[in-house]
Amino acid sequence: MTNRQPIQPVEGSLTGTDLTATINDRIRRINRAFAEPAVVRSAPPSPSSSATWIDEIPAGVMNGTNLIFTLSFAPIPGSLTLFLNIVQSSHFDFLISGVTITYTVAPKARDANYHVARYQY
């Protein structure tokens, strides 16, 4: 057994709740700076042996102001995952009603390089 000494904070460094608050603040700033969606899935897909998976580019204009896009088919609830610029969108970033996707914040024109919907129908 080795004699381990506890790690001592460097003078002037943050500890405890101050450190946690600083880290959380930096994460929020980074997220705002990139204005990209969080990596969260809307819900686990409903298991269905007869359902088909599809990857498609949602129809709609990517111009930084358009919020509404459409899919070819209505997704099985919980199966839709959206990607903008290769980043998976959070279920808080959009609403789905039938084949219509409504984003809470309009995707930027630069996101048009990679806008994909993956879902079961």
N, C-alpha and C. Protein backbone atom coordinates (compact mmCIF):
# COMPACT_ATOMS: atom_id res chain seq x y z
N MET A 1 0.84 -1.18 0.00
CA MET A 1 0.00 0.00 0.00
C MET A 1 0.89 1.24 0.00
N THR A 2 0.58 2.15 -0.92
CA THR A 2 1.38 3.37 -0.98
C THR A 2 0.75 4.45 -0.12
N ASN A 3 1.58 5.37 0.33
CA ASN A 3 1.13 6.47 1.14
C ASN A 3 0.72 7.60 0.20
N ARG A 4 -0.58 7.76 -0.03
CA ARG A 4 -1.07 8.78 -0.95
C ARG A 4 -1.42 10.05 -0.20
N GLN A 5 -0.98 11.15 -0.74
CA GLN A 5 -1.29 12.44 -0.17
C GLN A 5 -2.45 13.05 -0.95
N PRO A 6 -3.38 13.71 -0.26
CA PRO A 6 -4.48 14.35 -0.99
C PRO A 6 -3.93 15.46 -1.88
N ILE A 7 -4.60 15.65 -3.00
CA ILE A 7 -4.21 16.73 -3.92
C ILE A 7 -4.62 18.05 -3.28
N GLN A 8 -3.69 18.94 -3.22
CA GLN A 8 -3.95 20.26 -2.64
C GLN A 8 -4.27 21.26 -3.75
N PRO A 9 -5.26 22.11 -3.53
CA PRO A 9 -5.55 23.12 -4.55
C PRO A 9 -4.39 24.10 -4.68
N VAL A 10 -4.19 24.55 -5.92
CA VAL A 10 -3.18 25.57 -6.17
C VAL A 10 -3.71 26.89 -5.62
N GLU A 11 -2.83 27.66 -5.03
CA GLU A 11 -3.25 28.93 -4.45
C GLU A 11 -3.99 29.77 -5.48
N GLY A 12 -5.16 30.25 -5.09
CA GLY A 12 -5.96 31.08 -5.99
C GLY A 12 -6.89 30.28 -6.89
N SER A 13 -6.84 28.94 -6.82
CA SER A 13 -7.71 28.13 -7.67
C SER A 13 -9.09 28.02 -7.04
N LEU A 14 -10.06 27.62 -7.86
CA LEU A 14 -11.44 27.48 -7.40
C LEU A 14 -11.66 26.07 -6.87
N THR A 15 -12.53 25.96 -5.87
CA THR A 15 -12.89 24.65 -5.33
C THR A 15 -14.39 24.61 -5.07
N GLY A 16 -14.93 23.40 -4.89
CA GLY A 16 -16.32 23.21 -4.48
C GLY A 16 -17.32 23.87 -5.41
N THR A 17 -18.27 24.57 -4.80
CA THR A 17 -19.36 25.16 -5.58
C THR A 17 -18.87 26.26 -6.51
N ASP A 18 -17.80 26.97 -6.14
CA ASP A 18 -17.26 28.00 -7.04
C ASP A 18 -16.73 27.36 -8.32
N LEU A 19 -16.07 26.23 -8.20
CA LEU A 19 -15.55 25.52 -9.36
C LEU A 19 -16.69 25.03 -10.23
N THR A 20 -17.70 24.42 -9.62
CA THR A 20 -18.86 23.92 -10.36
C THR A 20 -19.56 25.06 -11.09
N ALA A 21 -19.77 26.17 -10.43
CA ALA A 21 -20.43 27.33 -11.05
C ALA A 21 -19.60 27.85 -12.22
N THR A 22 -18.29 27.90 -12.08
CA THR A 22 -17.42 28.38 -13.15
C THR A 22 -17.47 27.44 -14.35
N ILE A 23 -17.42 26.14 -14.10
CA ILE A 23 -17.49 25.17 -15.20
C ILE A 23 -18.83 25.27 -15.91
N ASN A 24 -19.93 25.32 -15.16
CA ASN A 24 -21.26 25.42 -15.76
C ASN A 24 -21.40 26.70 -16.57
N ASP A 25 -20.85 27.80 -16.05
CA ASP A 25 -20.91 29.07 -16.77
C ASP A 25 -20.15 28.97 -18.09
N ARG A 26 -18.98 28.35 -18.08
CA ARG A 26 -18.20 28.19 -19.31
C ARG A 26 -18.91 27.30 -20.32
N ILE A 27 -19.55 26.24 -19.85
CA ILE A 27 -20.31 25.37 -20.74
C ILE A 27 -21.45 26.15 -21.39
N ARG A 28 -22.17 26.94 -20.59
CA ARG A 28 -23.27 27.76 -21.15
C ARG A 28 -22.74 28.75 -22.19
N ARG A 29 -21.60 29.38 -21.91
CA ARG A 29 -21.03 30.33 -22.87
C ARG A 29 -20.62 29.64 -24.16
N ILE A 30 -20.01 28.48 -24.04
CA ILE A 30 -19.61 27.73 -25.23
C ILE A 30 -20.84 27.34 -26.04
N ASN A 31 -21.88 26.85 -25.38
CA ASN A 31 -23.10 26.47 -26.09
C ASN A 31 -23.74 27.66 -26.79
N ARG A 32 -23.76 28.81 -26.13
CA ARG A 32 -24.32 30.02 -26.76
C ARG A 32 -23.46 30.47 -27.93
N ALA A 33 -22.15 30.37 -27.78
CA ALA A 33 -21.24 30.82 -28.84
C ALA A 33 -21.43 30.01 -30.12
N PHE A 34 -21.64 28.73 -29.97
CA PHE A 34 -21.81 27.89 -31.14
C PHE A 34 -23.26 27.79 -31.57
N ALA A 35 -24.19 28.11 -30.66
CA ALA A 35 -25.62 28.07 -30.94
C ALA A 35 -26.02 26.78 -31.65
N GLU A 36 -25.42 25.69 -31.21
CA GLU A 36 -25.75 24.38 -31.77
C GLU A 36 -26.63 23.64 -30.78
N PRO A 37 -27.47 22.75 -31.29
CA PRO A 37 -28.33 21.99 -30.40
C PRO A 37 -27.55 21.01 -29.51
N ALA A 38 -28.12 20.71 -28.39
CA ALA A 38 -27.51 19.73 -27.50
C ALA A 38 -27.64 18.33 -28.09
N VAL A 39 -26.81 17.44 -27.65
CA VAL A 39 -26.86 16.07 -28.16
C VAL A 39 -27.77 15.26 -27.24
N VAL A 40 -29.04 15.19 -27.64
CA VAL A 40 -30.03 14.47 -26.88
C VAL A 40 -31.00 13.83 -27.87
N ARG A 41 -31.44 12.63 -27.61
CA ARG A 41 -32.41 11.98 -28.48
C ARG A 41 -33.80 12.25 -27.93
N SER A 42 -34.78 12.42 -28.80
CA SER A 42 -36.12 12.77 -28.37
C SER A 42 -36.73 11.71 -27.47
N ALA A 43 -36.57 10.44 -27.80
CA ALA A 43 -37.06 9.32 -26.99
C ALA A 43 -36.63 8.06 -27.70
N PRO A 44 -36.59 6.94 -26.99
CA PRO A 44 -36.22 5.72 -27.69
C PRO A 44 -37.28 5.37 -28.73
N PRO A 45 -36.87 4.88 -29.88
CA PRO A 45 -37.85 4.54 -30.90
C PRO A 45 -38.77 3.42 -30.43
N SER A 46 -39.99 3.48 -30.90
CA SER A 46 -40.94 2.41 -30.60
C SER A 46 -40.54 1.17 -31.39
N PRO A 47 -40.42 0.04 -30.74
CA PRO A 47 -40.04 -1.15 -31.48
C PRO A 47 -41.16 -1.56 -32.42
N SER A 48 -40.82 -1.81 -33.64
CA SER A 48 -41.79 -2.24 -34.62
C SER A 48 -41.08 -3.04 -35.69
N SER A 49 -41.51 -4.28 -35.85
CA SER A 49 -40.86 -5.12 -36.85
C SER A 49 -41.29 -4.75 -38.26
N SER A 50 -42.45 -4.11 -38.40
CA SER A 50 -42.91 -3.76 -39.74
C SER A 50 -42.53 -2.35 -40.15
N ALA A 51 -42.00 -1.55 -39.22
CA ALA A 51 -41.65 -0.17 -39.54
C ALA A 51 -40.35 -0.13 -40.36
N THR A 52 -40.24 0.90 -41.16
CA THR A 52 -39.07 1.10 -42.01
C THR A 52 -38.30 2.31 -41.52
N TRP A 53 -36.97 2.18 -41.47
CA TRP A 53 -36.11 3.32 -41.14
C TRP A 53 -35.82 4.09 -42.40
N ILE A 54 -35.75 5.40 -42.29
CA ILE A 54 -35.42 6.25 -43.43
C ILE A 54 -34.49 7.36 -42.98
N ASP A 55 -33.56 7.72 -43.83
CA ASP A 55 -32.72 8.91 -43.67
C ASP A 55 -33.07 9.81 -44.83
N GLU A 56 -33.44 11.05 -44.55
CA GLU A 56 -33.78 11.97 -45.62
C GLU A 56 -33.43 13.40 -45.26
N ILE A 57 -33.36 14.22 -46.27
CA ILE A 57 -33.14 15.65 -46.08
C ILE A 57 -34.52 16.30 -46.00
N PRO A 58 -34.87 16.90 -44.86
CA PRO A 58 -36.18 17.54 -44.77
C PRO A 58 -36.32 18.66 -45.79
N ALA A 59 -37.50 18.77 -46.38
CA ALA A 59 -37.76 19.82 -47.38
C ALA A 59 -38.00 21.15 -46.68
N GLY A 60 -37.38 22.19 -47.20
CA GLY A 60 -37.54 23.53 -46.65
C GLY A 60 -36.30 24.37 -46.94
N VAL A 61 -36.47 25.67 -46.87
CA VAL A 61 -35.39 26.61 -47.18
C VAL A 61 -34.53 26.85 -45.95
N MET A 62 -33.22 26.64 -46.08
CA MET A 62 -32.27 26.91 -44.99
C MET A 62 -31.69 28.31 -45.20
N ASN A 63 -32.31 29.30 -44.55
CA ASN A 63 -31.87 30.67 -44.77
C ASN A 63 -31.69 31.46 -43.47
N GLY A 64 -31.78 30.79 -42.34
CA GLY A 64 -31.61 31.49 -41.07
C GLY A 64 -32.89 32.09 -40.52
N THR A 65 -34.00 32.07 -41.29
CA THR A 65 -35.28 32.60 -40.80
C THR A 65 -36.40 31.58 -40.88
N ASN A 66 -36.30 30.60 -41.79
CA ASN A 66 -37.34 29.59 -41.94
C ASN A 66 -37.31 28.59 -40.78
N LEU A 67 -38.45 28.38 -40.15
CA LEU A 67 -38.57 27.46 -39.02
C LEU A 67 -39.20 26.13 -39.41
N ILE A 68 -39.88 26.08 -40.57
CA ILE A 68 -40.71 24.92 -40.92
C ILE A 68 -40.11 24.10 -42.04
N PHE A 69 -40.04 22.78 -41.80
CA PHE A 69 -39.53 21.82 -42.76
C PHE A 69 -40.48 20.63 -42.79
N THR A 70 -40.49 19.88 -43.88
CA THR A 70 -41.39 18.74 -43.98
C THR A 70 -40.66 17.45 -44.33
N LEU A 71 -41.24 16.36 -43.88
CA LEU A 71 -40.71 15.03 -44.14
C LEU A 71 -41.61 14.32 -45.16
N SER A 72 -41.13 13.24 -45.73
CA SER A 72 -41.92 12.48 -46.69
C SER A 72 -43.01 11.65 -46.00
N PHE A 73 -42.74 11.21 -44.76
CA PHE A 73 -43.67 10.37 -44.03
C PHE A 73 -43.76 10.86 -42.59
N ALA A 74 -44.85 10.51 -41.91
CA ALA A 74 -45.01 10.85 -40.49
C ALA A 74 -44.22 9.84 -39.66
N PRO A 75 -43.28 10.30 -38.85
CA PRO A 75 -42.48 9.37 -38.03
C PRO A 75 -43.30 8.69 -36.94
N ILE A 76 -42.90 7.46 -36.60
CA ILE A 76 -43.45 6.80 -35.42
C ILE A 76 -43.00 7.66 -34.23
N PRO A 77 -43.92 7.99 -33.31
CA PRO A 77 -43.55 8.83 -32.16
C PRO A 77 -42.31 8.30 -31.44
N GLY A 78 -41.38 9.20 -31.18
CA GLY A 78 -40.16 8.88 -30.47
C GLY A 78 -39.02 8.39 -31.35
N SER A 79 -39.27 8.19 -32.64
CA SER A 79 -38.21 7.64 -33.49
C SER A 79 -37.41 8.70 -34.24
N LEU A 80 -37.90 9.93 -34.30
CA LEU A 80 -37.23 10.98 -35.08
C LEU A 80 -35.98 11.51 -34.41
N THR A 81 -34.89 11.53 -35.17
CA THR A 81 -33.66 12.19 -34.75
C THR A 81 -33.26 13.13 -35.88
N LEU A 82 -33.01 14.38 -35.55
CA LEU A 82 -32.59 15.37 -36.55
C LEU A 82 -31.13 15.73 -36.34
N PHE A 83 -30.43 15.96 -37.44
CA PHE A 83 -29.04 16.36 -37.40
C PHE A 83 -28.89 17.65 -38.18
N LEU A 84 -28.21 18.63 -37.59
CA LEU A 84 -27.85 19.88 -38.25
C LEU A 84 -26.34 20.02 -38.16
N ASN A 85 -25.71 20.08 -39.31
CA ASN A 85 -24.25 20.20 -39.35
C ASN A 85 -23.59 19.09 -38.54
N ILE A 86 -24.11 17.89 -38.68
CA ILE A 86 -23.62 16.66 -38.06
C ILE A 86 -23.87 16.62 -36.55
N VAL A 87 -24.53 17.62 -35.98
CA VAL A 87 -24.83 17.63 -34.55
C VAL A 87 -26.28 17.18 -34.37
N GLN A 88 -26.50 16.24 -33.47
CA GLN A 88 -27.83 15.72 -33.22
C GLN A 88 -28.65 16.75 -32.46
N SER A 89 -29.85 17.05 -32.95
CA SER A 89 -30.71 18.04 -32.31
C SER A 89 -31.41 17.47 -31.09
N SER A 90 -31.60 18.33 -30.12
CA SER A 90 -32.34 17.97 -28.91
C SER A 90 -33.83 18.01 -29.21
N HIS A 91 -34.62 17.22 -28.47
CA HIS A 91 -36.06 17.26 -28.66
C HIS A 91 -36.64 18.60 -28.20
N PHE A 92 -35.86 19.42 -27.52
CA PHE A 92 -36.30 20.76 -27.13
C PHE A 92 -36.11 21.76 -28.27
N ASP A 93 -35.38 21.36 -29.31
CA ASP A 93 -35.06 22.26 -30.42
C ASP A 93 -36.11 22.28 -31.52
N PHE A 94 -37.06 21.34 -31.48
CA PHE A 94 -38.06 21.27 -32.53
C PHE A 94 -39.34 20.62 -32.02
N LEU A 95 -40.42 20.84 -32.77
CA LEU A 95 -41.69 20.17 -32.54
C LEU A 95 -42.01 19.39 -33.80
N ILE A 96 -42.68 18.27 -33.67
CA ILE A 96 -43.07 17.48 -34.84
C ILE A 96 -44.58 17.27 -34.78
N SER A 97 -45.25 17.50 -35.90
CA SER A 97 -46.68 17.27 -36.01
C SER A 97 -46.93 16.66 -37.38
N GLY A 98 -47.23 15.37 -37.39
CA GLY A 98 -47.39 14.68 -38.67
C GLY A 98 -46.08 14.66 -39.42
N VAL A 99 -46.06 15.30 -40.60
CA VAL A 99 -44.83 15.36 -41.40
C VAL A 99 -44.12 16.70 -41.25
N THR A 100 -44.66 17.60 -40.41
CA THR A 100 -44.12 18.96 -40.28
C THR A 100 -43.20 19.10 -39.08
N ILE A 101 -41.98 19.57 -39.34
CA ILE A 101 -41.01 19.88 -38.29
C ILE A 101 -41.01 21.39 -38.12
N THR A 102 -41.14 21.85 -36.88
CA THR A 102 -41.04 23.28 -36.60
C THR A 102 -39.91 23.47 -35.60
N TYR A 103 -38.84 24.12 -36.04
CA TYR A 103 -37.70 24.39 -35.15
C TYR A 103 -38.04 25.55 -34.24
N THR A 104 -37.50 25.55 -33.02
CA THR A 104 -37.69 26.67 -32.10
C THR A 104 -36.79 27.84 -32.48
N VAL A 105 -35.66 27.54 -33.10
CA VAL A 105 -34.74 28.56 -33.62
C VAL A 105 -34.43 28.16 -35.06
N ALA A 106 -34.53 29.10 -35.96
CA ALA A 106 -34.29 28.79 -37.37
C ALA A 106 -32.86 28.31 -37.61
N PRO A 107 -32.71 27.19 -38.33
CA PRO A 107 -31.36 26.74 -38.67
C PRO A 107 -30.66 27.75 -39.55
N LYS A 108 -29.37 27.90 -39.35
CA LYS A 108 -28.58 28.84 -40.14
C LYS A 108 -28.36 28.30 -41.55
N ALA A 109 -28.13 29.17 -42.48
CA ALA A 109 -27.89 28.77 -43.87
C ALA A 109 -26.70 27.81 -43.95
N ARG A 110 -25.70 28.00 -43.10
CA ARG A 110 -24.51 27.12 -43.13
C ARG A 110 -24.85 25.69 -42.73
N ASP A 111 -25.98 25.48 -42.03
CA ASP A 111 -26.40 24.14 -41.64
C ASP A 111 -26.93 23.33 -42.81
N ALA A 112 -27.15 23.97 -43.93
CA ALA A 112 -27.68 23.28 -45.11
C ALA A 112 -26.71 22.23 -45.63
N ASN A 113 -25.44 22.33 -45.25
CA ASN A 113 -24.47 21.33 -45.69
C ASN A 113 -24.79 19.94 -45.15
N TYR A 114 -25.47 19.87 -44.02
CA TYR A 114 -25.79 18.58 -43.44
C TYR A 114 -27.04 18.73 -42.59
N HIS A 115 -28.18 18.49 -43.20
CA HIS A 115 -29.47 18.54 -42.50
C HIS A 115 -30.18 17.23 -42.81
N VAL A 116 -30.22 16.32 -41.84
CA VAL A 116 -30.74 14.98 -42.08
C VAL A 116 -31.73 14.60 -40.99
N ALA A 117 -32.80 13.95 -41.40
CA ALA A 117 -33.78 13.37 -40.48
C ALA A 117 -33.67 11.86 -40.58
N ARG A 118 -33.63 11.19 -39.44
CA ARG A 118 -33.62 9.72 -39.40
C ARG A 118 -34.80 9.31 -38.52
N TYR A 119 -35.66 8.44 -39.08
CA TYR A 119 -36.84 8.04 -38.33
C TYR A 119 -37.44 6.75 -38.90
N GLN A 120 -38.40 6.20 -38.13
CA GLN A 120 -39.18 5.07 -38.57
C GLN A 120 -40.56 5.55 -38.95
N TYR A 121 -41.15 4.91 -39.95
CA TYR A 121 -42.55 5.24 -40.31
C TYR A 121 -43.32 3.96 -40.61
